[in-house]
């Protein structure tokens, strides 16, 4: 626990320890007697949702500051994409073909992490959702390069434990999707979207919307696998319908390889000025 020696007041952790040493009586066993910040039943009440949202935003922000993480390179992508040596176990032939993206994500993360390590380890840190598939590949490449990487896991009923390559001190766990998505983007220097499902699409479109509306500064948004993305999203129809502008198609770029993505990030500059809303 943090020891603020400049504080004039007694530390909360001291009172927490003192409260555990009181005599065992009906009064001290009562839930009403528990310190509010140590009372899980109280913290999990519906009325405390706003407090839990704030705690989830604050905890991981503080930890990232303490670990010196200043900027990240975010990888979104499917959990079902297998390692190339496991592609025979893929659910569909298409998923088996996509195993090449595992290796591209791994190579890209390795290259970005080499850049991160060379700059002191606080910039260009790989951030993934912490799970299997493309996420594992991203964390694995960073691990192989001798650097750190984030895993932003979330509690789900059927999956999601951190993969073995996430840096333990940067293995986070979320309850709220919204706060998790904020942490993906708060320090992002680039966002890379590999083929994936609902989660990947959600994360990609959230990113594009924030940039389009000026709520987030422009960063490179790289879509790995043009053939996949053009089948999934008919961007031209959106332009023809007038629901997006032709200029919005410049908010992202297609790439096919790790080398191509690294080159774009190295030479990237915003395309056209977009007014951004200050972060307050």
C-alpha atoms as a PDB file:
ATOM      1  CA  UNK A   1       0.000   0.000   0.000  1.00  0.00           C
ATOM      2  CA  UNK A   2       1.102   3.559  -0.660  1.00  0.00           C
ATOM      3  CA  UNK A   3       2.864   5.166   2.292  1.00  0.00           C
ATOM      4  CA  UNK A   4       2.281   8.904   2.066  1.00  0.00           C
ATOM      5  CA  UNK A   5       4.670  10.159   4.746  1.00  0.00           C
ATOM      6  CA  UNK A   6       3.658  13.765   4.148  1.00  0.00           C
ATOM      7  CA  UNK A   7       0.082  13.127   5.238  1.00  0.00           C
ATOM      8  CA  UNK A   8      -1.037  14.695   8.521  1.00  0.00           C
ATOM      9  CA  UNK A   9      -3.718  12.070   8.956  1.00  0.00           C
ATOM     10  CA  UNK A  10      -3.689   8.457  10.016  1.00  0.00           C
ATOM     11  CA  UNK A  11      -3.387   6.041   7.086  1.00  0.00           C
ATOM     12  CA  UNK A  12      -6.422   4.023   6.061  1.00  0.00           C
ATOM     13  CA  UNK A  13      -4.342   0.825   6.019  1.00  0.00           C
ATOM     14  CA  UNK A  14      -3.501   1.370   9.701  1.00  0.00           C
ATOM     15  CA  UNK A  15      -7.168   1.591  10.633  1.00  0.00           C
ATOM     16  CA  UNK A  16      -7.885  -1.433   8.453  1.00  0.00           C
ATOM     17  CA  UNK A  17      -5.431  -3.531  10.465  1.00  0.00           C
ATOM     18  CA  UNK A  18      -6.699  -2.121  13.769  1.00  0.00           C
ATOM     19  CA  UNK A  19     -10.310  -2.900  12.858  1.00  0.00           C
ATOM     20  CA  UNK A  20      -9.402  -6.569  12.309  1.00  0.00           C
ATOM     21  CA  UNK A  21      -8.030  -6.908  15.845  1.00  0.00           C
ATOM     22  CA  UNK A  22     -11.108  -5.858  17.816  1.00  0.00           C
ATOM     23  CA  UNK A  23     -12.864  -8.304  20.186  1.00  0.00           C
ATOM     24  CA  UNK A  24     -15.247 -10.766  18.562  1.00  0.00           C
ATOM     25  CA  UNK A  25     -18.717  -9.590  19.588  1.00  0.00           C
ATOM     26  CA  UNK A  26     -22.142  -9.432  17.940  1.00  0.00           C
ATOM     27  CA  UNK A  27     -21.496  -5.765  17.290  1.00  0.00           C
ATOM     28  CA  UNK A  28     -18.108  -6.222  15.592  1.00  0.00           C
ATOM     29  CA  UNK A  29     -19.480  -9.109  13.505  1.00  0.00           C
ATOM     30  CA  UNK A  30     -22.265  -6.931  12.153  1.00  0.00           C
ATOM     31  CA  UNK A  31     -21.892  -5.840   8.504  1.00  0.00           C
ATOM     32  CA  UNK A  32     -22.757  -2.326   9.646  1.00  0.00           C
ATOM     33  CA  UNK A  33     -19.502  -2.191  11.640  1.00  0.00           C
ATOM     34  CA  UNK A  34     -17.230  -2.875   8.656  1.00  0.00           C
ATOM     35  CA  UNK A  35     -15.134  -0.035   7.310  1.00  0.00           C
ATOM     36  CA  UNK A  36     -16.812   1.106   4.098  1.00  0.00           C
ATOM     37  CA  UNK A  37     -13.710   0.719   1.915  1.00  0.00           C
ATOM     38  CA  UNK A  38     -13.140  -2.828   3.233  1.00  0.00           C
ATOM     39  CA  UNK A  39     -16.754  -3.958   2.874  1.00  0.00           C
ATOM     40  CA  UNK A  40     -17.093  -5.976  -0.345  1.00  0.00           C
ATOM     41  CA  UNK A  41     -20.845  -6.408   0.057  1.00  0.00           C
ATOM     42  CA  UNK A  42     -21.217  -2.647   0.239  1.00  0.00           C
ATOM     43  CA  UNK A  43     -18.863  -1.952  -2.699  1.00  0.00           C
ATOM     44  CA  UNK A  44     -20.768  -4.419  -4.889  1.00  0.00           C
ATOM     45  CA  UNK A  45     -24.152  -2.762  -4.371  1.00  0.00           C
ATOM     46  CA  UNK A  46     -25.901  -1.444  -7.469  1.00  0.00           C
ATOM     47  CA  UNK A  47     -25.812   2.085  -6.043  1.00  0.00           C
ATOM     48  CA  UNK A  48     -21.987   1.944  -5.987  1.00  0.00           C
ATOM     49  CA  UNK A  49     -21.659   1.317  -9.723  1.00  0.00           C
ATOM     50  CA  UNK A  50     -20.349   4.834 -10.394  1.00  0.00           C
ATOM     51  CA  UNK A  51     -17.692   4.333  -7.716  1.00  0.00           C
ATOM     52  CA  UNK A  52     -16.637   0.990  -9.221  1.00  0.00           C
ATOM     53  CA  UNK A  53     -16.359   2.610 -12.650  1.00  0.00           C
ATOM     54  CA  UNK A  54     -14.101   5.271 -11.193  1.00  0.00           C
ATOM     55  CA  UNK A  55     -11.989   2.715  -9.339  1.00  0.00           C
ATOM     56  CA  UNK A  56     -11.493   0.662 -12.485  1.00  0.00           C
ATOM     57  CA  UNK A  57     -10.414   3.731 -14.417  1.00  0.00           C
ATOM     58  CA  UNK A  58      -8.126   4.945 -11.660  1.00  0.00           C
ATOM     59  CA  UNK A  59      -6.455   1.696 -10.568  1.00  0.00           C
ATOM     60  CA  UNK A  60      -4.960   0.816 -13.917  1.00  0.00           C
ATOM     61  CA  UNK A  61      -4.088   4.407 -14.775  1.00  0.00           C
ATOM     62  CA  UNK A  62      -2.055   4.639 -11.569  1.00  0.00           C
ATOM     63  CA  UNK A  63      -0.377   1.288 -12.204  1.00  0.00           C
ATOM     64  CA  UNK A  64       0.608   2.309 -15.729  1.00  0.00           C
ATOM     65  CA  UNK A  65       2.065   5.558 -14.404  1.00  0.00           C
ATOM     66  CA  UNK A  66       4.004   3.652 -11.747  1.00  0.00           C
ATOM     67  CA  UNK A  67       5.372   1.277 -14.403  1.00  0.00           C
ATOM     68  CA  UNK A  68       6.429   4.196 -16.597  1.00  0.00           C
ATOM     69  CA  UNK A  69       4.180   3.270 -19.543  1.00  0.00           C
ATOM     70  CA  UNK A  70       3.835   6.467 -21.569  1.00  0.00           C
ATOM     71  CA  UNK A  71       2.527   5.172 -24.897  1.00  0.00           C
ATOM     72  CA  UNK A  72       1.182   1.924 -26.324  1.00  0.00           C
ATOM     73  CA  UNK A  73       0.649   0.172 -29.631  1.00  0.00           C
ATOM     74  CA  UNK A  74      -2.730  -1.557 -29.484  1.00  0.00           C
ATOM     75  CA  UNK A  75      -3.532  -4.876 -31.133  1.00  0.00           C
ATOM     76  CA  UNK A  76      -7.149  -5.948 -31.666  1.00  0.00           C
ATOM     77  CA  UNK A  77      -7.928  -9.304 -33.252  1.00  0.00           C
ATOM     78  CA  UNK A  78      -9.688 -12.624 -33.046  1.00  0.00           C
ATOM     79  CA  UNK A  79      -9.243 -14.999 -30.119  1.00  0.00           C
ATOM     80  CA  UNK A  80     -10.070 -17.923 -32.431  1.00  0.00           C
ATOM     81  CA  UNK A  81      -7.140 -17.442 -34.799  1.00  0.00           C
ATOM     82  CA  UNK A  82      -4.788 -20.357 -34.185  1.00  0.00           C
ATOM     83  CA  UNK A  83      -1.047 -20.694 -34.223  1.00  0.00           C
ATOM     84  CA  UNK A  84       0.154 -21.908 -37.652  1.00  0.00           C
ATOM     85  CA  UNK A  85       1.119 -25.299 -36.213  1.00  0.00           C
ATOM     86  CA  UNK A  86      -2.422 -25.640 -34.829  1.00  0.00           C
ATOM     87  CA  UNK A  87      -4.366 -24.439 -37.873  1.00  0.00           C
ATOM     88  CA  UNK A  88      -5.649 -27.948 -38.583  1.00  0.00           C
ATOM     89  CA  UNK A  89      -7.704 -27.556 -35.369  1.00  0.00           C
ATOM     90  CA  UNK A  90      -9.374 -24.348 -36.591  1.00  0.00           C
ATOM     91  CA  UNK A  91     -13.183 -24.350 -36.699  1.00  0.00           C
ATOM     92  CA  UNK A  92     -13.370 -23.394 -40.384  1.00  0.00           C
ATOM     93  CA  UNK A  93     -11.063 -23.417 -43.423  1.00  0.00           C
ATOM     94  CA  UNK A  94     -11.131 -19.620 -43.375  1.00  0.00           C
ATOM     95  CA  UNK A  95      -9.875 -19.556 -39.786  1.00  0.00           C
ATOM     96  CA  UNK A  96      -7.143 -21.994 -40.720  1.00  0.00           C
ATOM     97  CA  UNK A  97      -6.016 -19.609 -43.480  1.00  0.00           C
ATOM     98  CA  UNK A  98      -5.981 -16.729 -41.023  1.00  0.00           C
ATOM     99  CA  UNK A  99      -3.304 -18.432 -38.932  1.00  0.00           C
ATOM    100  CA  UNK A 100      -0.820 -16.394 -40.969  1.00  0.00           C
ATOM    101  CA  UNK A 101      -2.018 -13.350 -39.066  1.00  0.00           C
ATOM    102  CA  UNK A 102      -0.816 -14.940 -35.832  1.00  0.00           C
ATOM    103  CA  UNK A 103       2.725 -14.829 -37.192  1.00  0.00           C
ATOM    104  CA  UNK A 104       2.301 -11.293 -38.551  1.00  0.00           C
ATOM    105  CA  UNK A 105       1.035 -10.070 -35.173  1.00  0.00           C
ATOM    106  CA  UNK A 106       3.923 -11.818 -33.454  1.00  0.00           C
ATOM    107  CA  UNK A 107       6.520 -10.338 -35.833  1.00  0.00           C
ATOM    108  CA  UNK A 108       4.977  -6.871 -35.645  1.00  0.00           C
ATOM    109  CA  UNK A 109       4.952  -6.903 -31.847  1.00  0.00           C
ATOM    110  CA  UNK A 110       8.511  -8.138 -31.736  1.00  0.00           C
ATOM    111  CA  UNK A 111       9.638  -5.236 -33.968  1.00  0.00           C
ATOM    112  CA  UNK A 112       7.649  -2.639 -32.003  1.00  0.00           C
ATOM    113  CA  UNK A 113       9.013  -3.954 -28.722  1.00  0.00           C
ATOM    114  CA  UNK A 114      12.581  -3.778 -29.973  1.00  0.00           C
ATOM    115  CA  UNK A 115      11.851  -0.114 -30.696  1.00  0.00           C
ATOM    116  CA  UNK A 116      10.328   0.243 -27.221  1.00  0.00           C
ATOM    117  CA  UNK A 117      13.289  -1.347 -25.463  1.00  0.00           C
ATOM    118  CA  UNK A 118      15.712   0.863 -27.414  1.00  0.00           C
ATOM    119  CA  UNK A 119      13.817   3.963 -26.263  1.00  0.00           C
ATOM    120  CA  UNK A 120      13.890   2.951 -22.600  1.00  0.00           C
ATOM    121  CA  UNK A 121      10.839   0.720 -22.400  1.00  0.00           C
ATOM    122  CA  UNK A 122       8.155   3.325 -21.760  1.00  0.00           C
ATOM    123  CA  UNK A 123       7.070   4.051 -25.329  1.00  0.00           C
ATOM    124  CA  UNK A 124       5.457   1.854 -28.009  1.00  0.00           C
ATOM    125  CA  UNK A 125       4.504  -0.826 -25.466  1.00  0.00           C
ATOM    126  CA  UNK A 126       2.290  -3.529 -26.949  1.00  0.00           C
ATOM    127  CA  UNK A 127      -1.228  -3.685 -25.501  1.00  0.00           C
ATOM    128  CA  UNK A 128      -3.650  -6.527 -26.230  1.00  0.00           C
ATOM    129  CA  UNK A 129      -6.818  -7.958 -24.752  1.00  0.00           C
ATOM    130  CA  UNK A 130      -4.654 -10.511 -22.949  1.00  0.00           C
ATOM    131  CA  UNK A 131      -6.373 -13.607 -24.304  1.00  0.00           C
ATOM    132  CA  UNK A 132      -5.565 -16.228 -26.967  1.00  0.00           C
ATOM    133  CA  UNK A 133      -5.231 -15.929 -30.750  1.00  0.00           C
ATOM    134  CA  UNK A 134      -3.988 -12.602 -32.090  1.00  0.00           C
ATOM    135  CA  UNK A 135      -3.764 -11.299 -28.536  1.00  0.00           C
ATOM    136  CA  UNK A 136      -1.406 -14.091 -27.504  1.00  0.00           C
ATOM    137  CA  UNK A 137       0.663 -13.490 -30.643  1.00  0.00           C
ATOM    138  CA  UNK A 138       1.069  -9.828 -29.718  1.00  0.00           C
ATOM    139  CA  UNK A 139       2.183 -10.522 -26.172  1.00  0.00           C
ATOM    140  CA  UNK A 140       4.393 -13.367 -27.363  1.00  0.00           C
ATOM    141  CA  UNK A 141       6.273 -11.189 -29.834  1.00  0.00           C
ATOM    142  CA  UNK A 142       6.911  -8.598 -27.118  1.00  0.00           C
ATOM    143  CA  UNK A 143       8.127 -11.286 -24.728  1.00  0.00           C
ATOM    144  CA  UNK A 144      10.498 -12.681 -27.357  1.00  0.00           C
ATOM    145  CA  UNK A 145      11.954  -9.211 -27.876  1.00  0.00           C
ATOM    146  CA  UNK A 146      12.742  -8.960 -24.170  1.00  0.00           C
ATOM    147  CA  UNK A 147      10.218  -6.220 -23.482  1.00  0.00           C
ATOM    148  CA  UNK A 148       6.997  -5.658 -21.599  1.00  0.00           C
ATOM    149  CA  UNK A 149       3.410  -5.848 -22.841  1.00  0.00           C
ATOM    150  CA  UNK A 150      -0.056  -5.208 -21.448  1.00  0.00           C
ATOM    151  CA  UNK A 151      -2.931  -7.644 -21.242  1.00  0.00           C
ATOM    152  CA  UNK A 152      -6.302  -5.976 -20.680  1.00  0.00           C
ATOM    153  CA  UNK A 153      -8.406  -8.967 -19.769  1.00  0.00           C
ATOM    154  CA  UNK A 154     -12.099  -8.870 -18.957  1.00  0.00           C
ATOM    155  CA  UNK A 155     -14.236 -11.228 -16.899  1.00  0.00           C
ATOM    156  CA  UNK A 156     -16.345 -13.338 -19.256  1.00  0.00           C
ATOM    157  CA  UNK A 157     -18.472 -16.406 -18.500  1.00  0.00           C
ATOM    158  CA  UNK A 158     -16.702 -18.735 -20.935  1.00  0.00           C
ATOM    159  CA  UNK A 159     -13.093 -17.605 -21.378  1.00  0.00           C
ATOM    160  CA  UNK A 160     -10.407 -15.032 -20.672  1.00  0.00           C
ATOM    161  CA  UNK A 161      -7.483 -15.751 -18.463  1.00  0.00           C
ATOM    162  CA  UNK A 162      -4.234 -13.957 -19.279  1.00  0.00           C
ATOM    163  CA  UNK A 163      -2.057 -15.729 -21.808  1.00  0.00           C
ATOM    164  CA  UNK A 164       1.377 -16.818 -20.617  1.00  0.00           C
ATOM    165  CA  UNK A 165       3.229 -13.988 -22.389  1.00  0.00           C
ATOM    166  CA  UNK A 166       1.603 -10.971 -20.707  1.00  0.00           C
ATOM    167  CA  UNK A 167       3.972  -9.142 -18.363  1.00  0.00           C
ATOM    168  CA  UNK A 168       2.627 -10.092 -14.903  1.00  0.00           C
ATOM    169  CA  UNK A 169       2.816  -6.531 -13.556  1.00  0.00           C
ATOM    170  CA  UNK A 170       0.785  -5.394 -16.571  1.00  0.00           C
ATOM    171  CA  UNK A 171      -1.851  -8.138 -16.485  1.00  0.00           C
ATOM    172  CA  UNK A 172      -5.083  -6.254 -15.790  1.00  0.00           C
ATOM    173  CA  UNK A 173      -8.632  -7.495 -15.318  1.00  0.00           C
ATOM    174  CA  UNK A 174     -11.790  -5.512 -15.970  1.00  0.00           C
ATOM    175  CA  UNK A 175     -15.486  -5.798 -15.236  1.00  0.00           C
ATOM    176  CA  UNK A 176     -16.639  -2.854 -17.380  1.00  0.00           C
ATOM    177  CA  UNK A 177     -16.131  -3.042 -21.145  1.00  0.00           C
ATOM    178  CA  UNK A 178     -16.348   0.749 -21.411  1.00  0.00           C
ATOM    179  CA  UNK A 179     -13.476   1.373 -19.010  1.00  0.00           C
ATOM    180  CA  UNK A 180     -11.385  -1.334 -20.646  1.00  0.00           C
ATOM    181  CA  UNK A 181     -11.849   0.348 -24.037  1.00  0.00           C
ATOM    182  CA  UNK A 182     -10.834   3.696 -22.555  1.00  0.00           C
ATOM    183  CA  UNK A 183      -7.596   2.157 -21.298  1.00  0.00           C
ATOM    184  CA  UNK A 184      -6.902   0.661 -24.713  1.00  0.00           C
ATOM    185  CA  UNK A 185      -6.917   4.135 -26.261  1.00  0.00           C
ATOM    186  CA  UNK A 186      -5.784   6.564 -23.565  1.00  0.00           C
ATOM    187  CA  UNK A 187      -2.075   6.020 -24.350  1.00  0.00           C
ATOM    188  CA  UNK A 188      -2.309   4.620 -27.883  1.00  0.00           C
ATOM    189  CA  UNK A 189       0.317   5.703 -30.441  1.00  0.00           C
ATOM    190  CA  UNK A 190      -1.121   3.309 -33.024  1.00  0.00           C
ATOM    191  CA  UNK A 191      -4.040   0.877 -33.321  1.00  0.00           C
ATOM    192  CA  UNK A 192      -3.794  -2.340 -35.337  1.00  0.00           C
ATOM    193  CA  UNK A 193      -6.897  -4.399 -36.118  1.00  0.00           C
ATOM    194  CA  UNK A 194      -6.447  -7.976 -37.293  1.00  0.00           C
ATOM    195  CA  UNK A 195      -9.325 -10.154 -38.501  1.00  0.00           C
ATOM    196  CA  UNK A 196     -11.731 -10.934 -35.687  1.00  0.00           C
ATOM    197  CA  UNK A 197     -15.329 -11.060 -34.560  1.00  0.00           C
ATOM    198  CA  UNK A 198     -17.780  -8.848 -32.702  1.00  0.00           C
ATOM    199  CA  UNK A 199     -15.226  -7.679 -30.139  1.00  0.00           C
ATOM    200  CA  UNK A 200     -12.685  -6.669 -32.768  1.00  0.00           C
ATOM    201  CA  UNK A 201     -15.325  -4.845 -34.820  1.00  0.00           C
ATOM    202  CA  UNK A 202     -16.617  -3.059 -31.732  1.00  0.00           C
ATOM    203  CA  UNK A 203     -13.129  -1.904 -30.738  1.00  0.00           C
ATOM    204  CA  UNK A 204     -12.233  -0.807 -34.270  1.00  0.00           C
ATOM    205  CA  UNK A 205     -15.406   1.215 -34.839  1.00  0.00           C
ATOM    206  CA  UNK A 206     -15.152   2.813 -31.399  1.00  0.00           C
ATOM    207  CA  UNK A 207     -11.649   3.974 -32.329  1.00  0.00           C
ATOM    208  CA  UNK A 208     -12.701   5.307 -35.740  1.00  0.00           C
ATOM    209  CA  UNK A 209     -15.700   7.115 -34.247  1.00  0.00           C
ATOM    210  CA  UNK A 210     -13.567   8.851 -31.621  1.00  0.00           C
ATOM    211  CA  UNK A 211     -11.086  10.030 -34.246  1.00  0.00           C
ATOM    212  CA  UNK A 212     -13.802  11.000 -36.756  1.00  0.00           C
ATOM    213  CA  UNK A 213     -15.595  13.140 -34.181  1.00  0.00           C
ATOM    214  CA  UNK A 214     -12.426  14.773 -32.873  1.00  0.00           C
ATOM    215  CA  UNK A 215     -12.731  13.220 -29.437  1.00  0.00           C
ATOM    216  CA  UNK A 216      -9.364  11.519 -29.923  1.00  0.00           C
ATOM    217  CA  UNK A 217      -6.222  12.683 -31.683  1.00  0.00           C
ATOM    218  CA  UNK A 218      -5.362  11.005 -34.955  1.00  0.00           C
ATOM    219  CA  UNK A 219      -3.142   7.950 -34.683  1.00  0.00           C
ATOM    220  CA  UNK A 220      -2.304   5.324 -37.298  1.00  0.00           C
ATOM    221  CA  UNK A 221      -5.199   2.859 -37.564  1.00  0.00           C
ATOM    222  CA  UNK A 222      -3.939  -0.156 -39.504  1.00  0.00           C
ATOM    223  CA  UNK A 223      -6.202  -2.933 -40.774  1.00  0.00           C
ATOM    224  CA  UNK A 224      -4.295  -6.152 -41.393  1.00  0.00           C
ATOM    225  CA  UNK A 225      -5.728  -8.144 -44.294  1.00  0.00           C
ATOM    226  CA  UNK A 226      -7.466  -5.982 -46.883  1.00  0.00           C
ATOM    227  CA  UNK A 227      -9.390  -8.915 -48.378  1.00  0.00           C
ATOM    228  CA  UNK A 228     -10.997  -9.745 -45.029  1.00  0.00           C
ATOM    229  CA  UNK A 229     -11.939  -6.177 -44.169  1.00  0.00           C
ATOM    230  CA  UNK A 230     -13.377  -5.323 -47.570  1.00  0.00           C
ATOM    231  CA  UNK A 231     -15.603  -8.388 -47.376  1.00  0.00           C
ATOM    232  CA  UNK A 232     -16.773  -7.557 -43.868  1.00  0.00           C
ATOM    233  CA  UNK A 233     -17.351  -3.821 -44.345  1.00  0.00           C
ATOM    234  CA  UNK A 234     -18.493  -2.209 -47.592  1.00  0.00           C
ATOM    235  CA  UNK A 235     -17.019   1.213 -46.955  1.00  0.00           C
ATOM    236  CA  UNK A 236     -18.006   2.512 -50.404  1.00  0.00           C
ATOM    237  CA  UNK A 237     -21.689   1.891 -49.671  1.00  0.00           C
ATOM    238  CA  UNK A 238     -21.389   4.039 -46.537  1.00  0.00           C
ATOM    239  CA  UNK A 239     -19.829   6.842 -48.600  1.00  0.00           C
ATOM    240  CA  UNK A 240     -22.431   6.529 -51.366  1.00  0.00           C
ATOM    241  CA  UNK A 241     -25.219   6.639 -48.813  1.00  0.00           C
ATOM    242  CA  UNK A 242     -23.713   9.757 -47.293  1.00  0.00           C
ATOM    243  CA  UNK A 243     -23.507   8.238 -43.800  1.00  0.00           C
ATOM    244  CA  UNK A 244     -19.753   8.869 -43.781  1.00  0.00           C
ATOM    245  CA  UNK A 245     -17.628  11.253 -45.824  1.00  0.00           C
ATOM    246  CA  UNK A 246     -15.139  10.121 -48.442  1.00  0.00           C
ATOM    247  CA  UNK A 247     -12.419  11.739 -46.324  1.00  0.00           C
ATOM    248  CA  UNK A 248     -13.288   9.358 -43.460  1.00  0.00           C
ATOM    249  CA  UNK A 249     -11.752   6.523 -45.462  1.00  0.00           C
ATOM    250  CA  UNK A 250      -8.387   8.174 -44.820  1.00  0.00           C
ATOM    251  CA  UNK A 251      -8.710   7.474 -41.107  1.00  0.00           C
ATOM    252  CA  UNK A 252      -7.315   3.965 -41.641  1.00  0.00           C
ATOM    253  CA  UNK A 253      -4.854   2.142 -43.844  1.00  0.00           C
ATOM    254  CA  UNK A 254      -4.709  -1.454 -45.054  1.00  0.00           C
ATOM    255  CA  UNK A 255      -1.540  -3.465 -44.456  1.00  0.00           C
ATOM    256  CA  UNK A 256      -0.578  -7.054 -45.160  1.00  0.00           C
ATOM    257  CA  UNK A 257       2.650  -7.509 -43.240  1.00  0.00           C
ATOM    258  CA  UNK A 258       4.459  -6.558 -40.061  1.00  0.00           C
ATOM    259  CA  UNK A 259       7.143  -4.726 -42.056  1.00  0.00           C
ATOM    260  CA  UNK A 260       4.554  -2.611 -43.853  1.00  0.00           C
ATOM    261  CA  UNK A 261       2.860  -1.681 -40.583  1.00  0.00           C
ATOM    262  CA  UNK A 262       6.149  -0.728 -38.931  1.00  0.00           C
ATOM    263  CA  UNK A 263       7.091   1.467 -41.884  1.00  0.00           C
ATOM    264  CA  UNK A 264       3.773   3.356 -41.735  1.00  0.00           C
ATOM    265  CA  UNK A 265       4.092   3.945 -37.985  1.00  0.00           C
ATOM    266  CA  UNK A 266       7.669   5.211 -38.409  1.00  0.00           C
ATOM    267  CA  UNK A 267       6.721   7.727 -41.119  1.00  0.00           C
ATOM    268  CA  UNK A 268       3.169   8.516 -40.046  1.00  0.00           C
ATOM    269  CA  UNK A 269       1.759  12.034 -39.998  1.00  0.00           C
ATOM    270  CA  UNK A 270      -1.916  13.058 -39.601  1.00  0.00           C
ATOM    271  CA  UNK A 271      -3.817  13.426 -42.876  1.00  0.00           C
ATOM    272  CA  UNK A 272      -5.531  16.800 -42.779  1.00  0.00           C
ATOM    273  CA  UNK A 273      -6.277  18.831 -39.678  1.00  0.00           C
ATOM    274  CA  UNK A 274      -9.137  17.706 -37.466  1.00  0.00           C
ATOM    275  CA  UNK A 275     -10.131  19.738 -34.465  1.00  0.00           C
ATOM    276  CA  UNK A 276      -9.778  17.755 -31.266  1.00  0.00           C
ATOM    277  CA  UNK A 277     -11.596  18.295 -28.020  1.00  0.00           C
ATOM    278  CA  UNK A 278      -9.237  18.900 -25.067  1.00  0.00           C
ATOM    279  CA  UNK A 279      -8.982  16.094 -22.521  1.00  0.00           C
ATOM    280  CA  UNK A 280     -10.275  17.413 -19.200  1.00  0.00           C
END
